[in-house]
Amino acid sequence: MSKTPGTLTLMSSGEMSARLSAAHRAVMARLHEPLRAIFLDTPAGFQENADELGNKAVEYFNHNLQQALSVVSFKSRRFASREQIQAVADQIGAANYIFAGPGSPTYAVRNWIDSPIHAAFHAVLSEGRHLVLPARRRLPPAVTWCRCTSCTKPDTIRTGWPDWTC
């Protein structure tokens, strides 16, 4: 387990644009092991084009970042079984770069909170891995998941552990 905490990076609209490729690369550069990146589609889970966004994310990573990306689909917990939710949490637990977005941060957090996915995010950050979430005009409720101790850049927040309170 890494002694350096991971990062929670909040990206505004355009998280899959060429202008934010440098931000993705900066987070990836913090990894001390081969990249195991996933795209979590929950923020767009309520949208009809959620599957298309996953495909676009894979294409973006291949073309702009020259990196592989796997899609982990979890559009809503409303119809998901405990086993399905746990399977998503396990996939998050196996990744070291979790990219969730674009879409609604509020919708995503409502589906993740108080679930094994919430616990998987805690492990990701406490073990030195990285979580990239969508943000809109103001900080999303996701920030309330953790006690932030310092901001290193406007788009990157380091978290203090073990406190991860709602």
N, C-alpha and C. Protein backbone atom coordinates (compact mmCIF):
# COMPACT_ATOMS: atom_id res chain seq x y z
N MET A 1 0.83 -1.17 0.00
CA MET A 1 0.00 0.00 0.00
C MET A 1 0.88 1.24 0.00
N SER A 2 0.53 2.22 -0.83
CA SER A 2 1.28 3.45 -0.96
C SER A 2 1.08 4.32 0.27
N LYS A 3 2.14 5.02 0.69
CA LYS A 3 2.02 5.95 1.81
C LYS A 3 1.56 7.31 1.32
N THR A 4 1.63 7.54 0.02
CA THR A 4 1.17 8.79 -0.56
C THR A 4 -0.29 8.66 -0.92
N PRO A 5 -1.14 9.58 -0.43
CA PRO A 5 -2.55 9.46 -0.78
C PRO A 5 -2.76 9.69 -2.27
N GLY A 6 -3.82 9.13 -2.79
CA GLY A 6 -4.17 9.35 -4.19
C GLY A 6 -4.75 10.73 -4.36
N THR A 7 -5.22 11.00 -5.56
CA THR A 7 -5.79 12.31 -5.84
C THR A 7 -7.25 12.18 -6.25
N LEU A 8 -8.01 13.18 -5.89
CA LEU A 8 -9.36 13.36 -6.36
C LEU A 8 -9.30 14.58 -7.27
N THR A 9 -9.46 14.36 -8.55
CA THR A 9 -9.36 15.43 -9.53
C THR A 9 -10.75 15.73 -10.06
N LEU A 10 -11.12 16.99 -10.01
CA LEU A 10 -12.43 17.43 -10.49
C LEU A 10 -12.22 18.14 -11.82
N MET A 11 -12.87 17.64 -12.87
CA MET A 11 -12.73 18.24 -14.19
C MET A 11 -14.05 18.83 -14.63
N SER A 12 -13.96 20.01 -15.20
CA SER A 12 -15.15 20.68 -15.68
C SER A 12 -15.56 20.11 -17.03
N SER A 13 -16.56 20.72 -17.62
CA SER A 13 -17.00 20.30 -18.95
C SER A 13 -15.81 20.23 -19.89
N GLY A 14 -15.83 19.24 -20.74
CA GLY A 14 -14.73 19.08 -21.67
C GLY A 14 -13.71 18.09 -21.19
N GLU A 15 -14.08 17.25 -20.22
CA GLU A 15 -13.14 16.29 -19.65
C GLU A 15 -12.61 15.31 -20.69
N MET A 16 -13.26 15.24 -21.86
CA MET A 16 -12.76 14.39 -22.93
C MET A 16 -12.38 15.23 -24.14
N SER A 17 -11.89 16.43 -23.88
CA SER A 17 -11.44 17.29 -24.97
C SER A 17 -9.91 17.31 -24.98
N ALA A 18 -9.37 17.67 -26.12
CA ALA A 18 -7.91 17.74 -26.26
C ALA A 18 -7.31 18.72 -25.25
N ARG A 19 -8.03 19.77 -24.90
CA ARG A 19 -7.49 20.77 -23.97
C ARG A 19 -7.28 20.22 -22.56
N LEU A 20 -7.98 19.16 -22.20
CA LEU A 20 -7.80 18.57 -20.87
C LEU A 20 -6.96 17.29 -20.88
N SER A 21 -6.40 16.96 -22.03
CA SER A 21 -5.51 15.79 -22.09
C SER A 21 -4.32 15.96 -21.16
N ALA A 22 -3.80 17.17 -21.07
CA ALA A 22 -2.66 17.42 -20.17
C ALA A 22 -3.03 17.16 -18.72
N ALA A 23 -4.25 17.46 -18.34
CA ALA A 23 -4.68 17.21 -16.96
C ALA A 23 -4.73 15.70 -16.69
N HIS A 24 -5.27 14.93 -17.64
CA HIS A 24 -5.27 13.47 -17.49
C HIS A 24 -3.84 12.95 -17.39
N ARG A 25 -2.96 13.45 -18.26
CA ARG A 25 -1.57 12.99 -18.24
C ARG A 25 -0.88 13.32 -16.92
N ALA A 26 -1.19 14.49 -16.37
CA ALA A 26 -0.58 14.89 -15.09
C ALA A 26 -0.98 13.93 -13.97
N VAL A 27 -2.23 13.51 -13.95
CA VAL A 27 -2.67 12.56 -12.93
C VAL A 27 -2.02 11.20 -13.17
N MET A 28 -2.00 10.76 -14.42
CA MET A 28 -1.40 9.46 -14.75
C MET A 28 0.09 9.44 -14.41
N ALA A 29 0.75 10.57 -14.52
CA ALA A 29 2.19 10.64 -14.23
C ALA A 29 2.48 10.35 -12.76
N ARG A 30 1.49 10.45 -11.92
CA ARG A 30 1.67 10.19 -10.48
C ARG A 30 1.67 8.71 -10.15
N LEU A 31 1.30 7.88 -11.13
CA LEU A 31 1.27 6.44 -10.91
C LEU A 31 2.68 5.88 -10.89
N HIS A 32 2.90 4.91 -10.01
CA HIS A 32 4.20 4.25 -9.91
C HIS A 32 4.11 2.80 -10.36
N GLU A 33 3.10 2.52 -11.16
CA GLU A 33 2.87 1.17 -11.69
C GLU A 33 2.14 1.32 -13.01
N PRO A 34 2.04 0.25 -13.78
CA PRO A 34 1.32 0.33 -15.07
C PRO A 34 -0.12 0.81 -14.88
N LEU A 35 -0.57 1.58 -15.83
CA LEU A 35 -1.92 2.13 -15.80
C LEU A 35 -2.96 1.02 -15.93
N ARG A 36 -3.95 1.06 -15.03
CA ARG A 36 -5.14 0.21 -15.09
C ARG A 36 -6.34 1.15 -14.99
N ALA A 37 -6.71 1.72 -16.14
CA ALA A 37 -7.74 2.77 -16.18
C ALA A 37 -9.11 2.21 -16.51
N ILE A 38 -10.10 2.75 -15.82
CA ILE A 38 -11.49 2.41 -16.14
C ILE A 38 -12.30 3.69 -16.29
N PHE A 39 -13.36 3.58 -17.07
CA PHE A 39 -14.35 4.65 -17.22
C PHE A 39 -15.63 4.15 -16.57
N LEU A 40 -16.11 4.89 -15.59
CA LEU A 40 -17.34 4.56 -14.89
C LEU A 40 -18.45 5.47 -15.41
N ASP A 41 -19.50 4.89 -15.96
CA ASP A 41 -20.52 5.67 -16.66
C ASP A 41 -21.65 6.22 -15.79
N THR A 42 -21.57 6.08 -14.49
CA THR A 42 -22.67 6.51 -13.61
C THR A 42 -23.08 7.97 -13.79
N PRO A 43 -22.15 8.92 -13.89
CA PRO A 43 -22.59 10.32 -14.01
C PRO A 43 -23.56 10.55 -15.19
N ALA A 44 -23.46 9.75 -16.23
CA ALA A 44 -24.34 9.89 -17.39
C ALA A 44 -25.40 8.79 -17.42
N GLY A 45 -25.55 8.07 -16.33
CA GLY A 45 -26.44 6.92 -16.30
C GLY A 45 -27.89 7.21 -16.64
N PHE A 46 -28.34 8.41 -16.43
CA PHE A 46 -29.73 8.77 -16.72
C PHE A 46 -29.91 9.23 -18.16
N GLN A 47 -28.83 9.40 -18.89
CA GLN A 47 -28.88 9.90 -20.25
C GLN A 47 -29.03 8.75 -21.25
N GLU A 48 -29.75 9.00 -22.32
CA GLU A 48 -29.94 7.98 -23.35
C GLU A 48 -28.63 7.62 -24.03
N ASN A 49 -27.67 8.53 -24.04
CA ASN A 49 -26.42 8.29 -24.75
C ASN A 49 -25.30 7.81 -23.82
N ALA A 50 -25.63 7.25 -22.68
CA ALA A 50 -24.60 6.82 -21.71
C ALA A 50 -23.65 5.79 -22.32
N ASP A 51 -24.17 4.85 -23.09
CA ASP A 51 -23.30 3.85 -23.72
C ASP A 51 -22.36 4.50 -24.74
N GLU A 52 -22.88 5.46 -25.49
CA GLU A 52 -22.05 6.17 -26.46
C GLU A 52 -20.91 6.91 -25.76
N LEU A 53 -21.19 7.49 -24.61
CA LEU A 53 -20.14 8.21 -23.88
C LEU A 53 -19.01 7.27 -23.45
N GLY A 54 -19.37 6.06 -23.05
CA GLY A 54 -18.35 5.08 -22.71
C GLY A 54 -17.46 4.78 -23.91
N ASN A 55 -18.08 4.59 -25.07
CA ASN A 55 -17.31 4.33 -26.30
C ASN A 55 -16.43 5.53 -26.65
N LYS A 56 -16.97 6.74 -26.48
CA LYS A 56 -16.18 7.95 -26.76
C LYS A 56 -15.00 8.07 -25.80
N ALA A 57 -15.20 7.67 -24.55
CA ALA A 57 -14.11 7.74 -23.58
C ALA A 57 -12.98 6.79 -23.98
N VAL A 58 -13.33 5.59 -24.43
CA VAL A 58 -12.32 4.63 -24.87
C VAL A 58 -11.57 5.21 -26.07
N GLU A 59 -12.30 5.77 -27.01
CA GLU A 59 -11.67 6.38 -28.19
C GLU A 59 -10.78 7.55 -27.79
N TYR A 60 -11.25 8.38 -26.87
CA TYR A 60 -10.46 9.52 -26.39
C TYR A 60 -9.14 9.05 -25.77
N PHE A 61 -9.19 8.05 -24.91
CA PHE A 61 -7.97 7.54 -24.28
C PHE A 61 -7.02 6.95 -25.32
N ASN A 62 -7.56 6.21 -26.27
CA ASN A 62 -6.72 5.63 -27.32
C ASN A 62 -6.07 6.71 -28.18
N HIS A 63 -6.86 7.66 -28.63
CA HIS A 63 -6.38 8.67 -29.57
C HIS A 63 -5.57 9.78 -28.90
N ASN A 64 -6.09 10.35 -27.83
CA ASN A 64 -5.45 11.52 -27.21
C ASN A 64 -4.38 11.17 -26.19
N LEU A 65 -4.53 10.03 -25.51
CA LEU A 65 -3.60 9.69 -24.43
C LEU A 65 -2.77 8.44 -24.73
N GLN A 66 -3.10 7.76 -25.83
CA GLN A 66 -2.43 6.52 -26.21
C GLN A 66 -2.41 5.51 -25.06
N GLN A 67 -3.57 5.39 -24.42
CA GLN A 67 -3.73 4.49 -23.27
C GLN A 67 -5.01 3.68 -23.43
N ALA A 68 -4.98 2.49 -22.88
CA ALA A 68 -6.17 1.64 -22.88
C ALA A 68 -7.11 2.07 -21.75
N LEU A 69 -8.38 1.90 -21.98
CA LEU A 69 -9.41 2.25 -21.00
C LEU A 69 -10.52 1.22 -21.10
N SER A 70 -10.95 0.67 -19.97
CA SER A 70 -12.06 -0.27 -19.93
C SER A 70 -13.29 0.44 -19.39
N VAL A 71 -14.44 0.12 -19.94
CA VAL A 71 -15.70 0.71 -19.48
C VAL A 71 -16.29 -0.20 -18.41
N VAL A 72 -16.65 0.40 -17.28
CA VAL A 72 -17.37 -0.28 -16.21
C VAL A 72 -18.74 0.40 -16.14
N SER A 73 -19.77 -0.34 -16.45
CA SER A 73 -21.09 0.25 -16.52
C SER A 73 -21.85 0.06 -15.21
N PHE A 74 -22.28 1.17 -14.66
CA PHE A 74 -23.14 1.18 -13.48
C PHE A 74 -23.99 2.44 -13.58
N LYS A 75 -25.08 2.33 -14.31
CA LYS A 75 -25.90 3.51 -14.59
C LYS A 75 -26.79 3.92 -13.44
N SER A 76 -27.22 2.95 -12.63
CA SER A 76 -28.11 3.26 -11.52
C SER A 76 -28.15 2.10 -10.53
N ARG A 77 -28.22 2.41 -9.27
CA ARG A 77 -28.34 1.34 -8.28
C ARG A 77 -29.79 0.91 -8.09
N ARG A 78 -30.71 1.66 -8.68
CA ARG A 78 -32.13 1.39 -8.50
C ARG A 78 -32.51 -0.04 -8.85
N PHE A 79 -31.96 -0.54 -9.96
CA PHE A 79 -32.31 -1.89 -10.40
C PHE A 79 -31.15 -2.87 -10.26
N ALA A 80 -30.09 -2.46 -9.62
CA ALA A 80 -28.90 -3.32 -9.49
C ALA A 80 -29.02 -4.21 -8.25
N SER A 81 -28.57 -5.44 -8.40
CA SER A 81 -28.54 -6.35 -7.27
C SER A 81 -27.29 -6.05 -6.43
N ARG A 82 -27.25 -6.58 -5.23
CA ARG A 82 -26.06 -6.42 -4.38
C ARG A 82 -24.83 -6.99 -5.07
N GLU A 83 -25.02 -8.10 -5.75
CA GLU A 83 -23.90 -8.75 -6.46
C GLU A 83 -23.38 -7.86 -7.57
N GLN A 84 -24.29 -7.21 -8.31
CA GLN A 84 -23.87 -6.31 -9.39
C GLN A 84 -23.11 -5.10 -8.84
N ILE A 85 -23.60 -4.55 -7.75
CA ILE A 85 -22.93 -3.41 -7.13
C ILE A 85 -21.55 -3.83 -6.64
N GLN A 86 -21.45 -5.00 -6.03
CA GLN A 86 -20.16 -5.49 -5.56
C GLN A 86 -19.20 -5.74 -6.71
N ALA A 87 -19.71 -6.24 -7.83
CA ALA A 87 -18.85 -6.49 -9.00
C ALA A 87 -18.26 -5.17 -9.51
N VAL A 88 -19.05 -4.11 -9.51
CA VAL A 88 -18.54 -2.80 -9.93
C VAL A 88 -17.48 -2.32 -8.93
N ALA A 89 -17.76 -2.47 -7.64
CA ALA A 89 -16.79 -2.07 -6.62
C ALA A 89 -15.48 -2.85 -6.78
N ASP A 90 -15.57 -4.12 -7.11
CA ASP A 90 -14.37 -4.94 -7.31
C ASP A 90 -13.56 -4.45 -8.51
N GLN A 91 -14.25 -4.04 -9.57
CA GLN A 91 -13.54 -3.50 -10.74
C GLN A 91 -12.87 -2.17 -10.42
N ILE A 92 -13.54 -1.35 -9.62
CA ILE A 92 -12.93 -0.10 -9.17
C ILE A 92 -11.70 -0.42 -8.33
N GLY A 93 -11.83 -1.41 -7.46
CA GLY A 93 -10.72 -1.80 -6.60
C GLY A 93 -9.51 -2.31 -7.36
N ALA A 94 -9.70 -2.85 -8.55
CA ALA A 94 -8.60 -3.36 -9.36
C ALA A 94 -7.94 -2.29 -10.22
N ALA A 95 -8.56 -1.12 -10.32
CA ALA A 95 -8.04 -0.04 -11.16
C ALA A 95 -7.17 0.92 -10.35
N ASN A 96 -6.32 1.65 -11.05
CA ASN A 96 -5.56 2.69 -10.36
C ASN A 96 -5.85 4.08 -10.93
N TYR A 97 -6.70 4.15 -11.94
CA TYR A 97 -7.14 5.42 -12.51
C TYR A 97 -8.61 5.24 -12.85
N ILE A 98 -9.47 5.89 -12.09
CA ILE A 98 -10.91 5.77 -12.28
C ILE A 98 -11.41 7.09 -12.81
N PHE A 99 -11.94 7.07 -14.00
CA PHE A 99 -12.46 8.26 -14.67
C PHE A 99 -13.97 8.12 -14.73
N ALA A 100 -14.69 8.96 -14.00
CA ALA A 100 -16.14 8.93 -13.96
C ALA A 100 -16.66 10.24 -14.55
N GLY A 101 -17.31 10.16 -15.64
CA GLY A 101 -17.83 11.37 -16.26
C GLY A 101 -17.78 11.22 -17.76
N PRO A 102 -18.32 12.15 -18.49
CA PRO A 102 -19.06 13.33 -18.09
C PRO A 102 -20.48 13.00 -17.63
N GLY A 103 -21.15 14.01 -17.15
CA GLY A 103 -22.52 13.82 -16.69
C GLY A 103 -22.78 14.62 -15.44
N SER A 104 -23.67 14.13 -14.63
CA SER A 104 -24.10 14.82 -13.42
C SER A 104 -23.39 14.27 -12.19
N PRO A 105 -22.54 15.09 -11.55
CA PRO A 105 -21.90 14.64 -10.31
C PRO A 105 -22.92 14.29 -9.23
N THR A 106 -23.98 15.05 -9.14
CA THR A 106 -25.00 14.81 -8.11
C THR A 106 -25.68 13.47 -8.33
N TYR A 107 -26.05 13.18 -9.56
CA TYR A 107 -26.67 11.89 -9.88
C TYR A 107 -25.73 10.75 -9.52
N ALA A 108 -24.47 10.89 -9.88
CA ALA A 108 -23.49 9.84 -9.61
C ALA A 108 -23.35 9.58 -8.12
N VAL A 109 -23.16 10.63 -7.34
CA VAL A 109 -22.97 10.47 -5.90
C VAL A 109 -24.19 9.83 -5.26
N ARG A 110 -25.36 10.21 -5.70
CA ARG A 110 -26.58 9.59 -5.14
C ARG A 110 -26.63 8.08 -5.39
N ASN A 111 -26.01 7.63 -6.46
CA ASN A 111 -25.98 6.20 -6.76
C ASN A 111 -24.84 5.48 -6.07
N TRP A 112 -23.78 6.19 -5.71
CA TRP A 112 -22.61 5.57 -5.09
C TRP A 112 -22.64 5.58 -3.56
N ILE A 113 -23.23 6.59 -2.97
CA ILE A 113 -23.14 6.80 -1.52
C ILE A 113 -23.71 5.58 -0.78
N ASP A 114 -23.09 5.27 0.35
CA ASP A 114 -23.54 4.16 1.20
C ASP A 114 -23.62 2.83 0.45
N SER A 115 -22.62 2.56 -0.36
CA SER A 115 -22.58 1.30 -1.10
C SER A 115 -21.13 0.80 -1.13
N PRO A 116 -20.92 -0.40 -1.59
CA PRO A 116 -19.55 -0.88 -1.76
C PRO A 116 -18.73 -0.01 -2.72
N ILE A 117 -19.40 0.69 -3.62
CA ILE A 117 -18.69 1.59 -4.54
C ILE A 117 -18.07 2.74 -3.75
N HIS A 118 -18.82 3.28 -2.82
CA HIS A 118 -18.32 4.34 -1.93
C HIS A 118 -17.06 3.86 -1.21
N ALA A 119 -17.12 2.66 -0.66
CA ALA A 119 -15.97 2.08 0.04
C ALA A 119 -14.80 1.85 -0.91
N ALA A 120 -15.09 1.45 -2.15
CA ALA A 120 -14.02 1.24 -3.14
C ALA A 120 -13.31 2.55 -3.45
N PHE A 121 -14.06 3.65 -3.55
CA PHE A 121 -13.43 4.95 -3.79
C PHE A 121 -12.52 5.33 -2.62
N HIS A 122 -12.95 5.05 -1.42
CA HIS A 122 -12.13 5.31 -0.25
C HIS A 122 -10.80 4.57 -0.36
N ALA A 123 -10.87 3.30 -0.72
CA ALA A 123 -9.66 2.49 -0.86
C ALA A 123 -8.77 3.04 -1.97
N VAL A 124 -9.37 3.42 -3.09
CA VAL A 124 -8.61 3.98 -4.21
C VAL A 124 -7.75 5.14 -3.74
N LEU A 125 -8.37 6.08 -3.06
CA LEU A 125 -7.64 7.28 -2.65
C LEU A 125 -6.66 7.01 -1.52
N SER A 126 -7.04 6.17 -0.58
CA SER A 126 -6.15 5.91 0.55
C SER A 126 -4.95 5.06 0.15
N GLU A 127 -5.04 4.34 -0.96
CA GLU A 127 -3.95 3.49 -1.41
C GLU A 127 -3.12 4.12 -2.52
N GLY A 128 -3.27 5.42 -2.73
CA GLY A 128 -2.42 6.14 -3.68
C GLY A 128 -2.85 6.04 -5.12
N ARG A 129 -4.10 5.67 -5.34
CA ARG A 129 -4.61 5.61 -6.71
C ARG A 129 -5.39 6.89 -6.99
N HIS A 130 -5.98 6.99 -8.17
CA HIS A 130 -6.52 8.28 -8.59
C HIS A 130 -7.95 8.18 -9.11
N LEU A 131 -8.74 9.18 -8.71
CA LEU A 131 -10.15 9.26 -9.05
C LEU A 131 -10.39 10.60 -9.75
N VAL A 132 -10.95 10.55 -10.94
CA VAL A 132 -11.26 11.75 -11.72
C VAL A 132 -12.76 11.83 -11.87
N LEU A 133 -13.35 12.90 -11.34
CA LEU A 133 -14.80 13.07 -11.35
C LEU A 133 -15.20 14.32 -12.12
N PRO A 134 -16.43 14.32 -12.64
CA PRO A 134 -16.92 15.53 -13.30
C PRO A 134 -17.29 16.59 -12.26
N ALA A 135 -17.11 17.83 -12.63
CA ALA A 135 -17.51 18.94 -11.77
C ALA A 135 -18.22 19.95 -12.65
N ARG A 136 -19.12 20.64 -12.10
CA ARG A 136 -19.80 21.70 -12.83
C ARG A 136 -19.51 23.02 -12.13
N ARG A 137 -20.32 24.00 -12.30
CA ARG A 137 -20.01 25.35 -11.84
C ARG A 137 -19.53 25.43 -10.40
N ARG A 138 -20.09 24.65 -9.54
CA ARG A 138 -19.61 24.62 -8.16
C ARG A 138 -19.18 23.20 -7.85
N LEU A 139 -18.49 23.03 -6.76
CA LEU A 139 -17.99 21.70 -6.43
C LEU A 139 -19.16 20.76 -6.20
N PRO A 140 -19.05 19.54 -6.70
CA PRO A 140 -20.14 18.58 -6.56
C PRO A 140 -20.21 18.01 -5.15
N PRO A 141 -21.31 17.36 -4.80
CA PRO A 141 -21.43 16.74 -3.48
C PRO A 141 -20.34 15.71 -3.21
N ALA A 142 -19.68 15.22 -4.25
CA ALA A 142 -18.63 14.22 -4.06
C ALA A 142 -17.55 14.73 -3.11
N VAL A 143 -17.34 16.03 -3.10
CA VAL A 143 -16.30 16.60 -2.25
C VAL A 143 -16.63 16.38 -0.78
N THR A 144 -17.91 16.29 -0.45
CA THR A 144 -18.29 16.08 0.94
C THR A 144 -17.99 14.66 1.39
N TRP A 145 -17.61 13.80 0.49
CA TRP A 145 -17.27 12.43 0.85
C TRP A 145 -15.99 12.35 1.65
N CYS A 146 -15.16 13.33 1.53
CA CYS A 146 -13.86 13.25 2.18
C CYS A 146 -13.52 14.58 2.84
N ARG A 147 -12.68 14.53 3.83
CA ARG A 147 -12.21 15.74 4.47
C ARG A 147 -10.98 16.19 3.71
N CYS A 148 -11.08 17.33 3.07
CA CYS A 148 -9.97 17.82 2.26
C CYS A 148 -9.01 18.61 3.14
N THR A 149 -7.74 18.30 3.02
CA THR A 149 -6.75 18.96 3.87
C THR A 149 -6.00 20.06 3.15
N SER A 150 -5.87 19.96 1.84
CA SER A 150 -5.20 21.03 1.11
C SER A 150 -5.51 20.91 -0.36
N CYS A 151 -5.49 22.03 -1.03
CA CYS A 151 -5.69 22.04 -2.48
C CYS A 151 -4.35 22.36 -3.13
N THR A 152 -3.92 21.51 -4.03
CA THR A 152 -2.65 21.75 -4.69
C THR A 152 -2.84 22.50 -5.99
N LYS A 153 -3.97 22.34 -6.63
CA LYS A 153 -4.33 23.05 -7.85
C LYS A 153 -5.85 23.20 -7.80
N PRO A 154 -6.41 24.11 -8.58
CA PRO A 154 -7.87 24.23 -8.55
C PRO A 154 -8.59 22.95 -8.92
N ASP A 155 -7.97 22.08 -9.71
CA ASP A 155 -8.68 20.89 -10.14
C ASP A 155 -8.22 19.62 -9.43
N THR A 156 -7.34 19.74 -8.44
CA THR A 156 -6.86 18.55 -7.74
C THR A 156 -6.96 18.77 -6.25
N ILE A 157 -7.61 17.85 -5.56
CA ILE A 157 -7.78 17.95 -4.12
C ILE A 157 -7.16 16.73 -3.48
N ARG A 158 -6.29 16.94 -2.49
CA ARG A 158 -5.74 15.83 -1.73
C ARG A 158 -6.63 15.60 -0.52
N THR A 159 -6.79 14.38 -0.19
CA THR A 159 -7.67 14.06 0.93
C THR A 159 -6.89 13.55 2.12
N GLY A 160 -7.41 13.81 3.29
CA GLY A 160 -6.82 13.30 4.51
C GLY A 160 -7.53 12.03 4.92
N TRP A 161 -6.84 11.11 5.52
CA TRP A 161 -7.41 9.84 5.91
C TRP A 161 -7.18 9.61 7.39
N PRO A 162 -7.96 8.84 8.10
CA PRO A 162 -8.95 7.93 7.58
C PRO A 162 -10.35 8.52 7.47
N ASP A 163 -10.54 9.82 7.81
CA ASP A 163 -11.87 10.41 7.78
C ASP A 163 -12.43 10.48 6.37
N TRP A 164 -13.54 9.84 6.17
CA TRP A 164 -14.26 9.90 4.89
C TRP A 164 -15.71 9.94 5.25
N THR A 165 -16.18 11.11 5.61
CA THR A 165 -17.51 11.22 6.16
C THR A 165 -18.46 11.92 5.20
N CYS A 166 -19.72 11.62 5.34
CA CYS A 166 -20.74 12.25 4.52
C CYS A 166 -21.37 13.40 5.27
